[in-house]
């Protein structure tokens, strides 16, 4: 079942939770960054800061102690998406690992009428990353379209159906 949250600026975000047990999130993120890297933008989105990084080439993906490394050469990032045994305590391992993952659909955004994405949070409820999927309101150069192209939500719909069960 989806949950709906009202944001402070008036937009609404509908979340579709993804199971986080086992390697479910790892498999999802490997597919997103391994197969669909050219279609997504990713980074943390917090009040006052929005990182929407697009990948110039296919990233190299590797795993070490629960951390998925997404490496494009000049830069890389790590996400703790599976069991992490190298932490000094079990509590810290729990905090570092993805505790919640959810696909989302927002309406009433300030830049465009809506957005489609995936968000991960750690064990403290802090956002780890947001992945934005193709937006039907924008062309490939991120310019506003006169009419939405709803077929651009197909990747988000497919992944949400397969990984969130909706």
N, C-alpha and C. Protein backbone atom coordinates (compact mmCIF):
# COMPACT_ATOMS: atom_id res chain seq x y z
N UNK A 1 0.84 -1.18 0.00
CA UNK A 1 0.00 0.00 0.00
C UNK A 1 0.89 1.25 0.00
N UNK A 2 0.52 2.20 -0.79
CA UNK A 2 1.28 3.45 -0.90
C UNK A 2 0.97 4.36 0.28
N UNK A 3 1.96 5.18 0.63
CA UNK A 3 1.75 6.22 1.64
C UNK A 3 1.94 7.56 0.95
N UNK A 4 1.20 8.55 1.41
CA UNK A 4 1.28 9.89 0.81
C UNK A 4 1.73 10.87 1.88
N UNK A 5 2.74 11.68 1.52
CA UNK A 5 3.24 12.71 2.42
C UNK A 5 3.09 14.06 1.76
N UNK A 6 2.67 15.05 2.55
CA UNK A 6 2.60 16.43 2.10
C UNK A 6 3.88 17.13 2.49
N UNK A 7 4.52 17.73 1.50
CA UNK A 7 5.79 18.43 1.75
C UNK A 7 5.50 19.85 2.21
N UNK A 8 6.48 20.49 2.82
CA UNK A 8 6.28 21.83 3.39
C UNK A 8 5.93 22.87 2.34
N UNK A 9 6.40 22.71 1.10
CA UNK A 9 6.11 23.71 0.08
C UNK A 9 4.79 23.44 -0.64
N UNK A 10 4.05 22.39 -0.21
CA UNK A 10 2.73 22.14 -0.77
C UNK A 10 2.64 20.97 -1.72
N UNK A 11 3.76 20.42 -2.17
CA UNK A 11 3.70 19.27 -3.06
C UNK A 11 3.33 18.01 -2.28
N UNK A 12 2.92 16.98 -2.99
CA UNK A 12 2.64 15.70 -2.36
C UNK A 12 3.55 14.65 -2.98
N UNK A 13 3.96 13.69 -2.14
CA UNK A 13 4.81 12.60 -2.60
C UNK A 13 4.16 11.29 -2.17
N UNK A 14 3.96 10.42 -3.15
CA UNK A 14 3.40 9.10 -2.90
C UNK A 14 4.56 8.11 -2.90
N UNK A 15 4.71 7.33 -1.82
CA UNK A 15 5.81 6.38 -1.67
C UNK A 15 5.30 4.95 -1.79
N UNK A 16 6.09 4.12 -2.46
CA UNK A 16 5.82 2.69 -2.62
C UNK A 16 7.04 1.96 -2.06
N UNK A 17 6.92 1.42 -0.85
CA UNK A 17 8.06 0.83 -0.17
C UNK A 17 8.55 -0.45 -0.84
N UNK A 18 9.86 -0.60 -0.79
CA UNK A 18 10.58 -1.75 -1.34
C UNK A 18 11.10 -2.56 -0.16
N UNK A 19 10.94 -3.88 -0.16
CA UNK A 19 11.54 -4.69 0.91
C UNK A 19 13.05 -4.48 0.95
N UNK A 20 13.61 -4.37 2.17
CA UNK A 20 15.05 -4.12 2.29
C UNK A 20 15.82 -5.34 2.79
N UNK A 21 15.15 -6.42 3.10
CA UNK A 21 15.82 -7.61 3.62
C UNK A 21 16.65 -8.29 2.53
N UNK A 22 17.69 -9.00 2.97
CA UNK A 22 18.52 -9.76 2.05
C UNK A 22 19.20 -8.87 1.02
N UNK A 23 19.28 -9.37 -0.20
CA UNK A 23 19.98 -8.64 -1.26
C UNK A 23 19.02 -7.90 -2.20
N UNK A 24 17.77 -7.70 -1.78
CA UNK A 24 16.75 -7.09 -2.64
C UNK A 24 17.18 -5.70 -3.13
N UNK A 25 17.63 -4.84 -2.22
CA UNK A 25 18.03 -3.48 -2.60
C UNK A 25 19.31 -3.53 -3.43
N UNK A 26 20.22 -4.42 -3.09
CA UNK A 26 21.44 -4.56 -3.90
C UNK A 26 21.10 -4.90 -5.35
N UNK A 27 20.21 -5.87 -5.54
CA UNK A 27 19.82 -6.25 -6.90
C UNK A 27 19.16 -5.09 -7.64
N UNK A 28 18.31 -4.34 -6.94
CA UNK A 28 17.66 -3.17 -7.54
C UNK A 28 18.69 -2.13 -7.97
N UNK A 29 19.61 -1.79 -7.07
CA UNK A 29 20.59 -0.76 -7.39
C UNK A 29 21.56 -1.22 -8.47
N UNK A 30 21.91 -2.49 -8.49
CA UNK A 30 22.76 -3.01 -9.58
C UNK A 30 22.05 -2.87 -10.92
N UNK A 31 20.76 -3.12 -10.94
CA UNK A 31 20.02 -2.96 -12.20
C UNK A 31 19.93 -1.48 -12.59
N UNK A 32 19.61 -0.63 -11.63
CA UNK A 32 19.48 0.80 -11.93
C UNK A 32 20.79 1.35 -12.49
N UNK A 33 21.91 1.13 -11.76
CA UNK A 33 23.18 1.72 -12.18
C UNK A 33 23.92 0.89 -13.22
N UNK A 34 23.63 -0.40 -13.31
CA UNK A 34 24.31 -1.25 -14.28
C UNK A 34 23.67 -1.24 -15.65
N UNK A 35 22.33 -1.17 -15.68
CA UNK A 35 21.61 -1.26 -16.96
C UNK A 35 20.98 0.05 -17.41
N UNK A 36 20.61 0.90 -16.46
CA UNK A 36 19.84 2.11 -16.80
C UNK A 36 20.56 3.40 -16.47
N UNK A 37 21.87 3.32 -16.30
CA UNK A 37 22.69 4.47 -15.89
C UNK A 37 22.49 5.69 -16.78
N UNK A 38 22.27 5.48 -18.08
CA UNK A 38 22.14 6.61 -19.01
C UNK A 38 20.79 7.32 -18.90
N UNK A 39 19.83 6.68 -18.25
CA UNK A 39 18.49 7.25 -18.15
C UNK A 39 18.20 7.93 -16.82
N UNK A 40 19.08 7.77 -15.84
CA UNK A 40 18.79 8.28 -14.50
C UNK A 40 19.76 9.39 -14.10
N UNK A 41 19.35 10.13 -13.09
CA UNK A 41 20.22 11.08 -12.40
C UNK A 41 20.13 10.71 -10.93
N UNK A 42 21.22 10.91 -10.18
CA UNK A 42 21.22 10.47 -8.79
C UNK A 42 22.01 11.41 -7.91
N UNK A 43 21.67 11.42 -6.64
CA UNK A 43 22.40 12.19 -5.64
C UNK A 43 21.52 12.46 -4.45
N UNK A 44 22.06 13.02 -3.40
CA UNK A 44 21.23 13.38 -2.25
C UNK A 44 20.38 14.61 -2.55
N UNK A 45 19.16 14.59 -2.07
CA UNK A 45 18.26 15.73 -2.21
C UNK A 45 17.82 16.10 -0.80
N UNK A 46 18.36 17.19 -0.28
CA UNK A 46 17.99 17.67 1.05
C UNK A 46 17.66 19.15 0.93
N UNK A 47 16.98 19.68 1.90
CA UNK A 47 16.62 21.10 1.85
C UNK A 47 17.88 21.94 1.65
N UNK A 48 17.87 22.74 0.61
CA UNK A 48 18.98 23.63 0.32
C UNK A 48 20.04 23.04 -0.58
N UNK A 49 19.90 21.76 -0.96
CA UNK A 49 20.92 21.12 -1.79
C UNK A 49 20.29 19.99 -2.60
N UNK A 50 20.46 20.04 -3.91
CA UNK A 50 19.96 18.99 -4.78
C UNK A 50 21.07 18.57 -5.74
N UNK A 51 21.49 17.34 -5.64
CA UNK A 51 22.52 16.79 -6.52
C UNK A 51 21.82 15.89 -7.53
N UNK A 52 21.83 16.27 -8.79
CA UNK A 52 21.22 15.47 -9.85
C UNK A 52 22.32 15.13 -10.84
N UNK A 53 23.09 14.10 -10.50
CA UNK A 53 24.26 13.72 -11.26
C UNK A 53 23.86 12.74 -12.36
N UNK A 54 24.23 13.06 -13.58
CA UNK A 54 24.01 12.15 -14.70
C UNK A 54 25.33 11.47 -15.03
N UNK A 55 25.26 10.24 -15.44
CA UNK A 55 26.46 9.44 -15.68
C UNK A 55 26.93 9.60 -17.12
N UNK A 56 28.20 9.98 -17.34
CA UNK A 56 28.72 10.16 -18.69
C UNK A 56 29.09 8.85 -19.37
N UNK A 57 29.22 7.78 -18.59
CA UNK A 57 29.61 6.46 -19.11
C UNK A 57 29.09 5.41 -18.15
N UNK A 58 29.07 4.16 -18.59
CA UNK A 58 28.59 3.11 -17.67
C UNK A 58 29.51 3.02 -16.45
N UNK A 59 28.96 3.09 -15.25
CA UNK A 59 29.80 2.97 -14.06
C UNK A 59 30.22 1.52 -13.84
N UNK A 60 31.35 1.36 -13.18
CA UNK A 60 31.78 0.03 -12.73
C UNK A 60 31.14 -0.20 -11.37
N UNK A 61 30.58 -1.38 -11.18
CA UNK A 61 29.93 -1.72 -9.93
C UNK A 61 30.71 -2.81 -9.22
N UNK A 62 30.90 -2.65 -7.92
CA UNK A 62 31.56 -3.69 -7.14
C UNK A 62 30.96 -3.70 -5.73
N UNK A 63 31.14 -4.82 -5.03
CA UNK A 63 30.63 -4.99 -3.67
C UNK A 63 31.77 -5.34 -2.74
N UNK A 64 31.75 -4.75 -1.55
CA UNK A 64 32.70 -5.09 -0.50
C UNK A 64 32.02 -4.86 0.84
N UNK A 65 31.87 -5.91 1.62
CA UNK A 65 31.30 -5.84 2.96
C UNK A 65 29.96 -5.08 3.00
N UNK A 66 29.08 -5.40 2.07
CA UNK A 66 27.76 -4.79 2.05
C UNK A 66 27.65 -3.49 1.31
N UNK A 67 28.78 -2.90 0.93
CA UNK A 67 28.77 -1.62 0.22
C UNK A 67 28.85 -1.83 -1.29
N UNK A 68 27.89 -1.27 -2.00
CA UNK A 68 27.94 -1.22 -3.45
C UNK A 68 28.71 0.04 -3.83
N UNK A 69 29.78 -0.12 -4.61
CA UNK A 69 30.53 1.02 -5.11
C UNK A 69 30.11 1.27 -6.55
N UNK A 70 29.74 2.51 -6.87
CA UNK A 70 29.37 2.94 -8.21
C UNK A 70 30.48 3.89 -8.64
N UNK A 71 31.30 3.44 -9.60
CA UNK A 71 32.53 4.16 -9.96
C UNK A 71 32.51 4.53 -11.44
N UNK A 72 32.60 5.84 -11.72
CA UNK A 72 32.65 6.30 -13.10
C UNK A 72 34.04 6.79 -13.49
N UNK A 73 35.03 6.53 -12.65
CA UNK A 73 36.41 6.90 -12.98
C UNK A 73 36.88 8.11 -12.22
N UNK A 74 36.41 9.28 -12.60
CA UNK A 74 36.84 10.51 -11.94
C UNK A 74 36.23 10.66 -10.55
N UNK A 75 35.14 9.97 -10.28
CA UNK A 75 34.48 10.02 -8.98
C UNK A 75 33.72 8.72 -8.77
N UNK A 76 33.34 8.48 -7.52
CA UNK A 76 32.57 7.29 -7.17
C UNK A 76 31.80 7.54 -5.88
N UNK A 77 30.87 6.64 -5.58
CA UNK A 77 30.19 6.69 -4.29
C UNK A 77 29.90 5.27 -3.83
N UNK A 78 29.63 5.16 -2.53
CA UNK A 78 29.35 3.87 -1.90
C UNK A 78 27.97 3.93 -1.25
N UNK A 79 27.24 2.82 -1.33
CA UNK A 79 25.95 2.69 -0.66
C UNK A 79 25.93 1.37 0.09
N UNK A 80 25.62 1.39 1.36
CA UNK A 80 25.53 0.17 2.15
C UNK A 80 24.16 -0.45 1.91
N UNK A 81 24.10 -1.41 0.98
CA UNK A 81 22.84 -1.99 0.54
C UNK A 81 22.67 -3.45 0.97
N UNK A 82 23.64 -3.98 1.73
CA UNK A 82 23.56 -5.37 2.15
C UNK A 82 24.23 -5.49 3.51
N UNK A 83 24.30 -6.71 4.04
CA UNK A 83 24.87 -6.91 5.37
C UNK A 83 26.30 -6.38 5.44
N UNK A 84 26.57 -5.65 6.52
CA UNK A 84 27.87 -4.99 6.73
C UNK A 84 28.46 -5.52 8.03
N UNK A 85 29.58 -6.22 7.91
CA UNK A 85 30.19 -6.85 9.07
C UNK A 85 31.40 -6.09 9.62
N UNK A 86 31.91 -5.12 8.89
CA UNK A 86 33.12 -4.43 9.28
C UNK A 86 32.94 -3.25 10.22
N UNK A 87 31.71 -2.99 10.64
CA UNK A 87 31.46 -1.87 11.56
C UNK A 87 31.97 -2.22 12.95
N UNK A 88 32.35 -1.22 13.74
CA UNK A 88 32.83 -1.47 15.11
C UNK A 88 31.76 -2.06 16.03
N UNK A 89 30.47 -1.91 15.67
CA UNK A 89 29.40 -2.46 16.49
C UNK A 89 28.22 -2.86 15.61
N UNK A 90 27.40 -3.80 16.09
CA UNK A 90 26.19 -4.16 15.33
C UNK A 90 25.26 -2.96 15.14
N UNK A 91 25.20 -2.07 16.13
CA UNK A 91 24.34 -0.88 16.02
C UNK A 91 24.78 0.00 14.86
N UNK A 92 26.09 0.22 14.74
CA UNK A 92 26.60 1.05 13.65
C UNK A 92 26.35 0.38 12.30
N UNK A 93 26.50 -0.93 12.24
CA UNK A 93 26.19 -1.66 11.00
C UNK A 93 24.73 -1.46 10.62
N UNK A 94 23.83 -1.49 11.61
CA UNK A 94 22.40 -1.29 11.36
C UNK A 94 22.13 0.13 10.85
N UNK A 95 22.81 1.12 11.42
CA UNK A 95 22.63 2.51 11.00
C UNK A 95 23.10 2.70 9.57
N UNK A 96 24.20 2.09 9.19
CA UNK A 96 24.79 2.29 7.85
C UNK A 96 23.98 1.66 6.74
N UNK A 97 23.34 0.53 7.01
CA UNK A 97 22.63 -0.22 5.97
C UNK A 97 21.31 0.46 5.61
N UNK A 98 20.90 0.28 4.36
CA UNK A 98 19.58 0.78 3.93
C UNK A 98 18.52 0.20 4.85
N UNK A 99 17.75 1.07 5.48
CA UNK A 99 16.66 0.65 6.36
C UNK A 99 15.30 0.84 5.69
N UNK A 100 15.25 1.73 4.72
CA UNK A 100 14.02 1.94 3.96
C UNK A 100 14.40 2.31 2.54
N UNK A 101 13.65 1.75 1.62
CA UNK A 101 13.78 2.08 0.20
C UNK A 101 12.37 2.24 -0.34
N UNK A 102 12.16 3.24 -1.18
CA UNK A 102 10.82 3.45 -1.71
C UNK A 102 10.88 4.16 -3.06
N UNK A 103 10.08 3.67 -3.97
CA UNK A 103 9.83 4.41 -5.21
C UNK A 103 8.90 5.54 -4.83
N UNK A 104 9.00 6.66 -5.54
CA UNK A 104 8.10 7.76 -5.25
C UNK A 104 7.65 8.45 -6.52
N UNK A 105 6.52 9.12 -6.36
CA UNK A 105 5.96 9.96 -7.42
C UNK A 105 5.51 11.23 -6.73
N UNK A 106 6.07 12.37 -7.15
CA UNK A 106 5.73 13.65 -6.54
C UNK A 106 4.90 14.48 -7.50
N UNK A 107 4.00 15.27 -6.96
CA UNK A 107 3.20 16.20 -7.74
C UNK A 107 3.27 17.57 -7.10
N UNK A 108 3.30 18.59 -7.96
CA UNK A 108 3.31 19.96 -7.46
C UNK A 108 4.70 20.49 -7.17
N UNK A 109 5.72 19.85 -7.76
CA UNK A 109 7.08 20.34 -7.58
C UNK A 109 7.21 21.73 -8.19
N UNK A 110 8.20 22.48 -7.73
CA UNK A 110 8.38 23.83 -8.22
C UNK A 110 8.98 23.88 -9.62
N UNK A 111 9.84 22.94 -9.97
CA UNK A 111 10.50 22.98 -11.28
C UNK A 111 9.65 22.38 -12.39
N UNK A 112 9.02 21.26 -12.10
CA UNK A 112 8.16 20.57 -13.06
C UNK A 112 6.92 20.09 -12.31
N UNK A 113 5.86 19.76 -13.06
CA UNK A 113 4.63 19.33 -12.38
C UNK A 113 4.77 18.05 -11.54
N UNK A 114 5.79 17.26 -11.80
CA UNK A 114 5.96 16.03 -11.05
C UNK A 114 7.32 15.42 -11.26
N UNK A 115 7.64 14.41 -10.44
CA UNK A 115 8.88 13.67 -10.61
C UNK A 115 8.67 12.23 -10.19
N UNK A 116 9.49 11.34 -10.74
CA UNK A 116 9.41 9.91 -10.51
C UNK A 116 10.78 9.45 -10.07
N UNK A 117 10.86 8.76 -8.93
CA UNK A 117 12.17 8.39 -8.44
C UNK A 117 12.17 7.22 -7.48
N UNK A 118 13.35 7.04 -6.89
CA UNK A 118 13.62 6.01 -5.90
C UNK A 118 14.48 6.65 -4.83
N UNK A 119 14.16 6.41 -3.57
CA UNK A 119 14.92 7.02 -2.48
C UNK A 119 15.31 5.93 -1.48
N UNK A 120 16.54 6.05 -0.94
CA UNK A 120 17.03 5.15 0.09
C UNK A 120 17.33 5.96 1.35
N UNK A 121 17.03 5.37 2.53
CA UNK A 121 17.33 5.97 3.82
C UNK A 121 18.13 4.98 4.66
N UNK A 122 18.99 5.49 5.51
CA UNK A 122 19.77 4.62 6.40
C UNK A 122 18.98 4.32 7.68
N UNK A 123 19.64 3.66 8.63
CA UNK A 123 18.99 3.28 9.87
C UNK A 123 18.64 4.43 10.80
N UNK A 124 19.13 5.61 10.52
CA UNK A 124 18.74 6.81 11.29
C UNK A 124 17.63 7.59 10.60
N UNK A 125 17.19 7.10 9.45
CA UNK A 125 16.16 7.82 8.69
C UNK A 125 16.71 8.94 7.85
N UNK A 126 18.04 8.98 7.68
CA UNK A 126 18.68 10.00 6.85
C UNK A 126 18.70 9.52 5.40
N UNK A 127 18.46 10.46 4.49
CA UNK A 127 18.48 10.10 3.09
C UNK A 127 19.90 9.74 2.65
N UNK A 128 20.02 8.62 1.95
CA UNK A 128 21.30 8.19 1.40
C UNK A 128 21.46 8.65 -0.05
N UNK A 129 20.39 8.48 -0.83
CA UNK A 129 20.43 8.84 -2.25
C UNK A 129 19.01 8.93 -2.78
N UNK A 130 18.83 9.75 -3.79
CA UNK A 130 17.61 9.80 -4.58
C UNK A 130 18.01 9.54 -6.02
N UNK A 131 17.27 8.68 -6.69
CA UNK A 131 17.48 8.40 -8.10
C UNK A 131 16.25 8.94 -8.83
N UNK A 132 16.48 9.82 -9.80
CA UNK A 132 15.39 10.33 -10.62
C UNK A 132 15.35 9.57 -11.94
N UNK A 133 14.14 9.16 -12.31
CA UNK A 133 13.91 8.45 -13.57
C UNK A 133 13.43 9.44 -14.62
N UNK A 134 13.40 9.01 -15.89
CA UNK A 134 12.95 9.93 -16.95
C UNK A 134 11.61 10.58 -16.58
N UNK A 135 11.55 11.86 -16.85
CA UNK A 135 10.39 12.66 -16.49
C UNK A 135 9.58 12.96 -17.75
N UNK A 136 8.29 12.66 -17.76
CA UNK A 136 7.48 12.89 -18.95
C UNK A 136 7.30 14.37 -19.30
N UNK A 137 7.65 15.25 -18.39
CA UNK A 137 7.51 16.69 -18.62
C UNK A 137 8.77 17.32 -19.20
N UNK A 138 9.87 16.51 -19.32
CA UNK A 138 11.15 17.04 -19.78
C UNK A 138 11.70 16.24 -20.95
N UNK A 139 12.41 16.93 -21.85
CA UNK A 139 13.09 16.21 -22.93
C UNK A 139 14.45 15.72 -22.41
N UNK A 140 15.25 15.13 -23.29
CA UNK A 140 16.54 14.56 -22.88
C UNK A 140 17.54 15.61 -22.42
N UNK A 141 17.34 16.87 -22.82
CA UNK A 141 18.22 17.97 -22.38
C UNK A 141 17.62 18.70 -21.17
N UNK A 142 16.58 18.08 -20.57
CA UNK A 142 15.89 18.61 -19.39
C UNK A 142 15.15 19.92 -19.64
N UNK A 143 14.73 20.13 -20.90
CA UNK A 143 13.88 21.27 -21.24
C UNK A 143 12.42 20.84 -21.12
N UNK A 144 11.59 21.76 -20.70
CA UNK A 144 10.16 21.50 -20.50
C UNK A 144 9.48 21.19 -21.82
N UNK A 145 8.68 20.13 -21.85
CA UNK A 145 7.89 19.77 -23.02
C UNK A 145 6.53 20.44 -22.96
N UNK A 146 5.96 20.72 -24.13
CA UNK A 146 4.62 21.32 -24.16
C UNK A 146 3.58 20.32 -23.68
N UNK A 147 3.72 19.06 -24.12
CA UNK A 147 2.81 18.00 -23.72
C UNK A 147 3.62 16.87 -23.09
N UNK A 148 3.14 16.31 -22.00
CA UNK A 148 3.89 15.22 -21.37
C UNK A 148 3.98 14.00 -22.29
N UNK A 149 5.08 13.30 -22.18
CA UNK A 149 5.28 12.03 -22.90
C UNK A 149 5.25 10.92 -21.85
N UNK A 150 4.06 10.39 -21.58
CA UNK A 150 3.84 9.46 -20.47
C UNK A 150 4.60 8.15 -20.63
N UNK A 151 5.00 7.81 -21.84
CA UNK A 151 5.77 6.58 -22.04
C UNK A 151 7.13 6.65 -21.31
N UNK A 152 7.56 7.85 -20.97
CA UNK A 152 8.84 8.01 -20.28
C UNK A 152 8.79 7.48 -18.84
N UNK A 153 7.61 7.18 -18.33
CA UNK A 153 7.52 6.61 -16.98
C UNK A 153 7.61 5.08 -17.01
N UNK A 154 7.80 4.47 -18.16
CA UNK A 154 7.79 3.00 -18.28
C UNK A 154 8.87 2.34 -17.43
N UNK A 155 10.08 2.87 -17.41
CA UNK A 155 11.15 2.26 -16.62
C UNK A 155 10.79 2.31 -15.13
N UNK A 156 10.34 3.45 -14.64
CA UNK A 156 9.94 3.58 -13.24
C UNK A 156 8.82 2.61 -12.91
N UNK A 157 7.82 2.53 -13.78
CA UNK A 157 6.67 1.63 -13.56
C UNK A 157 7.14 0.18 -13.50
N UNK A 158 8.02 -0.22 -14.42
CA UNK A 158 8.51 -1.60 -14.46
C UNK A 158 9.29 -1.95 -13.20
N UNK A 159 10.24 -1.11 -12.82
CA UNK A 159 11.03 -1.39 -11.63
C UNK A 159 10.17 -1.36 -10.37
N UNK A 160 9.26 -0.43 -10.28
CA UNK A 160 8.37 -0.36 -9.11
C UNK A 160 7.52 -1.63 -9.00
N UNK A 161 7.00 -2.08 -10.13
CA UNK A 161 6.18 -3.30 -10.13
C UNK A 161 7.00 -4.51 -9.69
N UNK A 162 8.23 -4.62 -10.22
CA UNK A 162 9.05 -5.79 -9.92
C UNK A 162 9.68 -5.75 -8.53
N UNK A 163 10.05 -4.58 -8.04
CA UNK A 163 10.77 -4.51 -6.76
C UNK A 163 9.90 -4.09 -5.58
N UNK A 164 8.81 -3.35 -5.84
CA UNK A 164 7.91 -2.96 -4.75
C UNK A 164 6.61 -3.75 -4.79
N UNK A 165 6.43 -4.53 -5.84
CA UNK A 165 5.24 -5.37 -5.92
C UNK A 165 3.95 -4.64 -6.21
N UNK A 166 4.03 -3.47 -6.85
CA UNK A 166 2.82 -2.69 -7.15
C UNK A 166 2.81 -2.29 -8.61
